Amino acid sequence: MKIGIFIEKIEKNIDYKDLGQIARGLKDLGNEVFFITTKSNFKDFIFQVIEASIENLEKEKFFEEIDCDAIIFYTWLSIRFNRLIEAAKNSGKRVIIKLDSDGRFGYPILISRLRGFTHIKNFSEFIDYFSWVFRYIAFGTFLFEKKIKQLYIADKVIIESPQALVNLFAFLSYHKKLDLSILDKCCVIPNPVDKAFIRPPDNKENIILCVGDWENRAKNRKNLFKLIKKFLEIKEDWQFVIIGKGSNYFSSLSNEKVIIKDEISHSEIVDYFSRAKIFLLPSFWEGFNISASEAVCSGCSIVGTPLECLFYLSNNGFSGTISYDFNYKSLLSALLIDVYKWENGIYNALLISYYWQNILNRERIAKMIADIIK
């Protein structure tokens, strides 16, 4: 098959994210894969990239001139992509929507986004943040019919975790659109990990790893800051490693017990995951966090907030502990329980990695996607 993947912008780190891994997995299966985008910032991508404006992508003729069997669209159900999806469908292409989401698309299921207000520093950020939240709630409420239009147009819809699918249908049910024909289209397919993580883990050390964009309003960094200080008062023989953009926020904590890395190479990240025992994710919301997937494949347990993807990846305590809420005290309780499980031999890094590598390897995920395209 020849398969296209649409993403509005191609960034330089796409190769290690789910888009790049899905594309490589489909290619490994013998499919021809290319990308469609409005802008590419990555010049060394191994796949063919077709750049076009949104105006051109909204024309049926554009898709008629592309020789392919199906196109996977990353749209997050954004209304501005509706015409584009219609054009592709009317051209005779098989249309797959990749939601890449926690299923919270509008009121009342989107209220969780209000948790991020703790990051607001000034009035300008206050206006920016609440206008952002209002737009999401408004689009999912007052423009509800337009918001869900893609679900009816698509041949198949991919959502990444079981609870995200429940959220999506809670959203539809609230607005009296609980349509079983949509359920028939929906497929729960998690995001895959890079092949570098498909290997036995190293000897585990007392490392708690935190990876992410710490400038993002979703990351709950204030509670993480409080958690680190309190935890190290209780457990002095553990070490935190904080990696990612904006990690200088934690610079005042920096010492031999709190290692801070801004940006490091992919191989260094793989090494840290392989040595760490715990991956800590304190976010207010996430779609399907790629770092959490990489963690469990590396034999780490996950400690995190009650997020859809973490309920899935913690697997009822087999590979993690989920806090009651988003407060640092709840996170601290979950982290101490998880540490206890490591210190008392309850966790087995090899079993965790083996279990999740069999589920999240890119060949398996690509085959699931290829099967729904067929």
Protein backbone atom coordinates (compact mmCIF):
# COMPACT_ATOMS: atom_id res chain seq x y z
CA MET A 1 0.00 0.00 0.00
CA LYS A 2 0.93 3.64 -0.42
CA ILE A 3 0.08 5.65 2.70
CA GLY A 4 0.22 9.37 3.37
CA ILE A 5 0.47 11.00 6.80
CA PHE A 6 -0.76 14.56 7.29
CA ILE A 7 0.67 16.73 10.08
CA GLU A 8 0.41 20.51 9.99
CA LYS A 9 4.10 21.09 10.85
CA ILE A 10 7.05 18.72 10.72
CA GLU A 11 9.50 19.48 13.53
CA LYS A 12 13.11 18.32 13.76
CA ASN A 13 12.46 15.70 16.49
CA ILE A 14 9.66 13.97 14.56
CA ASP A 15 11.78 10.87 13.93
CA TYR A 16 11.63 9.80 17.58
CA LYS A 17 7.96 10.69 18.10
CA ASP A 18 4.97 8.54 17.24
CA LEU A 19 4.66 9.99 13.72
CA GLY A 20 8.18 8.97 12.75
CA GLN A 21 7.91 5.57 14.40
CA ILE A 22 4.55 4.79 12.79
CA ALA A 23 5.93 5.82 9.39
CA ARG A 24 9.04 3.67 9.85
CA GLY A 25 6.95 0.74 11.06
CA LEU A 26 4.65 0.94 8.03
CA LYS A 27 7.70 1.16 5.77
CA ASP A 28 9.25 -1.90 7.46
CA LEU A 29 6.07 -3.81 6.53
CA GLY A 30 6.68 -3.02 2.85
CA ASN A 31 4.39 -0.01 2.49
CA GLU A 32 5.36 3.19 0.70
CA VAL A 33 4.98 6.14 3.10
CA PHE A 34 5.09 9.89 2.52
CA PHE A 35 4.13 13.01 4.49
CA ILE A 36 1.84 15.94 3.70
CA THR A 37 2.40 19.17 5.62
CA THR A 38 1.98 22.93 5.49
CA LYS A 39 5.50 23.49 6.81
CA SER A 40 8.59 21.34 7.35
CA ASN A 41 11.39 22.39 9.71
CA PHE A 42 13.23 19.10 9.35
CA LYS A 43 15.42 18.81 6.27
CA ASP A 44 16.99 15.38 6.97
CA PHE A 45 13.76 13.40 7.07
CA ILE A 46 14.03 10.05 5.25
CA PHE A 47 10.47 10.25 3.87
CA GLN A 48 9.14 12.19 0.92
CA VAL A 49 7.45 15.39 2.10
CA ILE A 50 4.75 17.23 0.12
CA GLU A 51 4.31 20.84 1.29
CA ALA A 52 1.08 22.70 0.50
CA SER A 53 -0.98 25.52 1.92
CA ILE A 54 -4.19 24.81 3.83
CA GLU A 55 -6.06 26.49 0.95
CA ASN A 56 -4.67 23.94 -1.54
CA LEU A 57 -5.26 21.06 0.84
CA GLU A 58 -8.94 21.99 1.01
CA LYS A 59 -9.27 21.31 -2.72
CA GLU A 60 -10.45 17.89 -3.83
CA LYS A 61 -8.19 18.12 -6.87
CA PHE A 62 -5.07 18.17 -4.66
CA PHE A 63 -5.85 14.71 -3.28
CA GLU A 64 -7.04 13.36 -6.64
CA GLU A 65 -3.55 14.04 -8.03
CA ILE A 66 -1.86 12.11 -5.19
CA ASP A 67 -1.41 8.40 -5.87
CA CYS A 68 -2.08 6.63 -2.57
CA ASP A 69 -4.51 4.25 -0.89
CA ALA A 70 -5.07 6.07 2.38
CA ILE A 71 -4.07 9.13 4.41
CA ILE A 72 -3.64 9.27 8.18
CA PHE A 73 -4.58 12.73 9.46
CA TYR A 74 -3.37 14.26 12.71
CA THR A 75 -6.15 16.81 13.30
CA TRP A 76 -7.09 16.62 17.02
CA LEU A 77 -10.63 17.22 15.67
CA SER A 78 -9.70 20.84 15.01
CA ILE A 79 -12.54 22.49 13.07
CA ARG A 80 -10.12 24.21 10.68
CA PHE A 81 -9.22 20.83 9.17
CA ASN A 82 -12.82 19.83 8.35
CA ARG A 83 -12.70 20.97 4.71
CA LEU A 84 -9.36 19.24 4.25
CA ILE A 85 -10.78 15.93 5.52
CA GLU A 86 -13.84 16.30 3.28
CA ALA A 87 -11.65 16.97 0.25
CA ALA A 88 -9.57 13.85 0.88
CA LYS A 89 -12.65 11.69 1.39
CA ASN A 90 -14.40 13.04 -1.72
CA SER A 91 -11.29 12.28 -3.78
CA GLY A 92 -11.76 8.59 -3.03
CA LYS A 93 -8.97 8.22 -0.48
CA ARG A 94 -9.42 6.13 2.64
CA VAL A 95 -9.33 8.58 5.56
CA ILE A 96 -7.91 7.65 8.98
CA ILE A 97 -8.15 10.23 11.80
CA LYS A 98 -5.40 9.99 14.45
CA LEU A 99 -6.75 11.78 17.52
CA ASP A 100 -3.50 11.72 19.57
CA SER A 101 -5.61 12.78 22.54
CA ASP A 102 -6.98 12.06 26.00
CA GLY A 103 -10.48 12.25 24.52
CA ARG A 104 -11.31 15.54 26.27
CA PHE A 105 -12.65 17.60 23.36
CA GLY A 106 -15.14 19.94 25.01
CA TYR A 107 -17.43 20.72 27.91
CA PRO A 108 -17.84 19.08 30.40
CA ILE A 109 -14.99 16.65 29.89
CA LEU A 110 -12.46 19.42 29.15
CA ILE A 111 -12.67 21.16 32.53
CA SER A 112 -9.39 19.45 33.50
CA ARG A 113 -7.58 22.10 31.44
CA LEU A 114 -8.37 24.64 34.18
CA ARG A 115 -5.79 22.97 36.43
CA GLY A 116 -2.97 24.71 34.56
CA PHE A 117 -3.84 28.12 36.05
CA THR A 118 -1.18 27.54 38.75
CA HIS A 119 1.49 28.43 36.17
CA ILE A 120 0.13 31.94 35.61
CA LYS A 121 2.65 34.64 36.58
CA ASN A 122 1.01 37.89 35.46
CA PHE A 123 -2.17 39.40 34.05
CA SER A 124 -1.03 38.91 30.45
CA GLU A 125 -0.58 35.18 31.01
CA PHE A 126 -3.95 35.09 32.81
CA ILE A 127 -5.69 36.51 29.72
CA ASP A 128 -3.76 34.21 27.38
CA TYR A 129 -4.47 31.10 29.43
CA PHE A 130 -8.17 31.57 30.01
CA SER A 131 -8.80 32.65 26.43
CA TRP A 132 -7.11 29.40 25.38
CA VAL A 133 -9.31 27.34 27.71
CA PHE A 134 -12.42 29.25 26.62
CA ARG A 135 -11.67 28.57 22.94
CA TYR A 136 -11.43 24.84 23.59
CA ILE A 137 -14.61 24.73 25.64
CA ALA A 138 -16.48 26.98 23.19
CA PHE A 139 -15.45 24.92 20.15
CA GLY A 140 -16.52 21.74 21.91
CA THR A 141 -19.86 23.20 23.06
CA PHE A 142 -21.24 25.95 20.83
CA LEU A 143 -19.60 24.51 17.70
CA PHE A 144 -20.18 20.91 18.73
CA GLU A 145 -21.62 19.74 15.40
CA LYS A 146 -18.60 21.06 13.51
CA LYS A 147 -16.24 19.66 16.14
CA ILE A 148 -17.38 16.07 15.63
CA LYS A 149 -17.84 16.23 11.85
CA GLN A 150 -14.55 14.45 11.18
CA LEU A 151 -15.74 11.45 13.18
CA TYR A 152 -18.52 10.92 10.63
CA ILE A 153 -16.34 11.57 7.57
CA ALA A 154 -13.47 9.27 8.54
CA ASP A 155 -13.31 5.60 7.64
CA LYS A 156 -11.50 4.83 10.90
CA VAL A 157 -10.57 6.79 14.02
CA ILE A 158 -7.49 5.97 16.11
CA ILE A 159 -7.46 6.90 19.80
CA GLU A 160 -4.57 5.93 22.01
CA SER A 161 -5.93 4.55 25.30
CA PRO A 162 -9.11 2.84 26.54
CA GLN A 163 -9.96 5.66 28.97
CA ALA A 164 -9.51 8.27 26.24
CA LEU A 165 -12.18 6.44 24.23
CA VAL A 166 -14.47 6.51 27.29
CA ASN A 167 -13.87 10.28 27.58
CA LEU A 168 -14.69 10.81 23.92
CA PHE A 169 -18.00 9.01 24.30
CA ALA A 170 -18.80 10.84 27.53
CA PHE A 171 -18.36 14.05 25.54
CA LEU A 172 -20.64 12.76 22.77
CA SER A 173 -23.19 11.46 25.27
CA TYR A 174 -23.43 14.78 27.09
CA HIS A 175 -24.32 16.46 23.80
CA LYS A 176 -26.82 13.70 22.91
CA LYS A 177 -24.74 12.34 20.02
CA LEU A 178 -23.97 8.88 21.35
CA ASP A 179 -23.77 7.28 17.91
CA LEU A 180 -22.69 3.63 17.82
CA SER A 181 -21.61 4.02 14.19
CA ILE A 182 -18.75 6.19 15.51
CA LEU A 183 -17.84 3.52 18.06
CA ASP A 184 -17.60 1.02 15.24
CA LYS A 185 -14.97 3.24 13.58
CA CYS A 186 -12.89 3.78 16.72
CA CYS A 187 -9.76 1.71 17.30
CA VAL A 188 -7.64 1.90 20.47
CA ILE A 189 -4.04 1.81 19.26
CA PRO A 190 -1.28 3.16 21.53
CA ASN A 191 1.71 5.08 20.20
CA PRO A 192 4.86 3.06 19.44
CA VAL A 193 8.40 3.58 20.72
CA ASP A 194 11.72 3.83 18.92
CA LYS A 195 13.65 0.58 18.40
CA ALA A 196 16.41 1.90 20.68
CA PHE A 197 14.13 1.12 23.64
CA ILE A 198 13.49 -2.47 22.56
CA ARG A 199 16.31 -4.05 24.54
CA PRO A 200 16.89 -5.52 28.02
CA PRO A 201 17.30 -2.80 30.67
CA ASP A 202 20.63 -2.14 32.39
CA ASN A 203 21.18 -2.72 36.10
CA LYS A 204 18.71 -0.37 37.71
CA GLU A 205 19.83 2.48 39.97
CA ASN A 206 17.92 4.63 42.48
CA ILE A 207 17.13 7.23 39.83
CA ILE A 208 13.79 9.01 39.39
CA LEU A 209 13.63 10.38 35.86
CA CYS A 210 11.52 13.38 34.78
CA VAL A 211 11.45 14.20 31.05
CA GLY A 212 9.42 16.87 29.27
CA ASP A 213 8.99 20.42 28.08
CA TRP A 214 8.89 22.19 31.44
CA GLU A 215 7.76 25.44 29.84
CA ASN A 216 4.49 23.78 28.81
CA ARG A 217 1.50 24.81 30.94
CA ALA A 218 0.42 21.17 31.23
CA LYS A 219 3.51 19.99 33.10
CA ASN A 220 2.57 20.90 36.72
CA ARG A 221 6.13 21.91 37.53
CA LYS A 222 5.28 23.79 40.75
CA ASN A 223 4.01 20.62 42.37
CA LEU A 224 7.01 18.70 41.05
CA PHE A 225 9.33 21.29 42.64
CA LYS A 226 7.61 20.85 46.04
CA LEU A 227 7.60 17.07 45.65
CA ILE A 228 11.35 16.85 45.03
CA LYS A 229 12.19 18.93 48.10
CA LYS A 230 9.91 16.92 50.37
CA PHE A 231 10.87 13.50 49.00
CA LEU A 232 14.61 14.04 49.49
CA GLU A 233 13.99 14.92 53.12
CA ILE A 234 12.53 11.42 53.53
CA LYS A 235 14.65 9.37 51.09
CA GLU A 236 18.23 10.56 50.81
CA ASP A 237 19.53 7.57 48.84
CA TRP A 238 17.60 8.42 45.66
CA GLN A 239 18.45 10.83 42.87
CA PHE A 240 16.28 12.91 40.52
CA VAL A 241 17.29 13.55 36.91
CA ILE A 242 15.26 16.30 35.20
CA ILE A 243 15.61 16.54 31.42
CA GLY A 244 14.07 18.89 28.89
CA LYS A 245 13.42 22.41 27.74
CA GLY A 246 12.79 24.78 30.65
CA SER A 247 14.45 22.49 33.22
CA ASN A 248 16.34 25.52 34.52
CA TYR A 249 13.12 26.21 36.47
CA PHE A 250 14.48 23.63 38.94
CA SER A 251 18.03 25.10 39.05
CA SER A 252 17.75 26.17 42.70
CA LEU A 253 17.39 22.46 43.59
CA SER A 254 20.50 21.44 41.64
CA ASN A 255 23.00 19.34 43.61
CA GLU A 256 24.33 15.78 43.59
CA LYS A 257 20.79 14.54 44.30
CA VAL A 258 19.05 16.64 41.62
CA ILE A 259 20.72 16.51 38.19
CA ILE A 260 19.38 18.98 35.62
CA LYS A 261 19.86 18.52 31.86
CA ASP A 262 18.43 20.97 29.34
CA GLU A 263 18.81 19.16 26.03
CA ILE A 264 20.75 15.93 25.58
CA SER A 265 21.24 13.46 22.75
CA HIS A 266 18.76 10.68 22.04
CA SER A 267 21.33 8.03 23.02
CA GLU A 268 21.83 9.71 26.41
CA ILE A 269 18.08 9.71 27.02
CA VAL A 270 17.94 5.99 26.15
CA ASP A 271 20.77 5.38 28.64
CA TYR A 272 19.01 7.27 31.45
CA PHE A 273 15.79 5.35 30.88
CA SER A 274 17.69 2.08 30.95
CA ARG A 275 19.32 2.91 34.32
CA ALA A 276 16.39 4.64 36.08
CA LYS A 277 13.94 2.74 38.25
CA ILE A 278 11.11 5.28 38.21
CA PHE A 279 9.71 7.66 35.61
CA LEU A 280 7.77 10.53 37.20
CA LEU A 281 5.11 12.40 35.22
CA PRO A 282 3.23 15.10 37.20
CA SER A 283 1.25 16.57 34.27
CA PHE A 284 -2.22 18.12 34.43
CA TRP A 285 -3.04 16.53 31.08
CA GLU A 286 -1.38 14.53 28.30
CA GLY A 287 -2.42 12.77 25.13
CA PHE A 288 -0.36 9.58 25.03
CA ASN A 289 2.96 10.55 26.55
CA ILE A 290 5.83 9.09 24.50
CA SER A 291 8.34 9.35 27.37
CA ALA A 292 6.07 7.26 29.60
CA SER A 293 5.93 4.59 26.89
CA GLU A 294 9.72 4.65 26.56
CA ALA A 295 9.99 4.33 30.34
CA VAL A 296 7.97 1.13 30.70
CA CYS A 297 9.72 -0.40 27.70
CA SER A 298 12.99 0.34 29.53
CA GLY A 299 11.80 -1.49 32.64
CA CYS A 300 10.90 1.62 34.66
CA SER A 301 7.79 1.92 36.76
CA ILE A 302 5.64 5.02 36.32
CA VAL A 303 4.52 7.40 39.03
CA GLY A 304 2.12 10.05 37.86
CA THR A 305 -1.09 11.97 38.08
CA PRO A 306 -4.47 10.39 37.17
CA LEU A 307 -4.11 10.66 33.40
CA GLU A 308 -5.73 8.42 30.82
CA CYS A 309 -2.45 7.19 29.33
CA LEU A 310 -0.92 6.52 32.76
CA PHE A 311 -3.86 4.41 33.92
CA TYR A 312 -3.13 2.29 30.85
CA LEU A 313 0.67 2.18 31.18
CA SER A 314 0.69 1.54 34.95
CA ASN A 315 -1.45 -1.54 34.26
CA ASN A 316 -3.21 -1.77 37.64
CA GLY A 317 0.02 -1.52 39.61
CA PHE A 318 2.06 -3.94 37.51
CA SER A 319 4.22 -1.12 36.16
CA GLY A 320 3.36 1.96 38.19
CA THR A 321 1.49 3.87 40.87
CA ILE A 322 -1.01 6.63 40.10
CA SER A 323 -1.73 9.44 42.55
CA TYR A 324 -5.19 10.37 43.79
CA ASP A 325 -5.06 13.90 42.33
CA PHE A 326 -2.63 16.54 41.01
CA ASN A 327 -1.35 17.90 44.32
CA TYR A 328 2.27 17.31 45.35
CA LYS A 329 1.13 15.54 48.55
CA SER A 330 -0.78 12.93 46.55
CA LEU A 331 2.15 12.53 44.18
CA LEU A 332 4.52 12.14 47.13
CA SER A 333 2.35 9.36 48.56
CA ALA A 334 2.33 7.55 45.21
CA LEU A 335 6.09 7.97 44.82
CA LEU A 336 6.82 6.58 48.29
CA ILE A 337 4.64 3.55 47.57
CA ASP A 338 6.46 2.99 44.29
CA VAL A 339 9.87 3.29 45.96
CA TYR A 340 8.75 0.74 48.56
CA LYS A 341 7.87 -1.68 45.74
CA TRP A 342 11.37 -1.35 44.28
CA GLU A 343 13.11 -1.63 47.62
CA ASN A 344 11.17 -4.77 48.54
CA GLY A 345 11.59 -6.63 45.25
CA ILE A 346 7.97 -6.32 44.17
CA TYR A 347 8.90 -4.81 40.80
CA ASN A 348 10.90 -6.72 38.19
CA ALA A 349 12.45 -4.46 35.55
CA LEU A 350 12.91 -7.30 33.06
CA LEU A 351 9.26 -8.37 33.30
CA ILE A 352 8.03 -4.78 32.92
CA SER A 353 10.20 -4.17 29.87
CA TYR A 354 9.36 -7.50 28.24
CA TYR A 355 5.62 -7.00 28.70
CA TRP A 356 5.52 -3.46 27.25
CA GLN A 357 8.05 -4.04 24.48
CA ASN A 358 5.73 -6.75 23.13
CA ILE A 359 2.86 -4.24 23.09
CA LEU A 360 4.50 -0.95 22.10
CA ASN A 361 7.09 -2.01 19.53
CA ARG A 362 6.58 -0.16 16.27
CA GLU A 363 6.17 -3.29 14.11
CA ARG A 364 3.12 -4.38 16.11
CA ILE A 365 1.56 -0.91 16.14
CA ALA A 366 2.22 -0.42 12.42
CA LYS A 367 0.58 -3.77 11.65
CA MET A 368 -2.52 -2.75 13.65
CA ILE A 369 -2.73 0.50 11.65
CA ALA A 370 -2.12 -1.28 8.34
CA ASP A 371 -4.90 -3.76 9.16
CA ILE A 372 -7.51 -1.02 9.71
CA ILE A 373 -6.43 0.69 6.49
CA LYS A 374 -7.04 -2.52 4.56
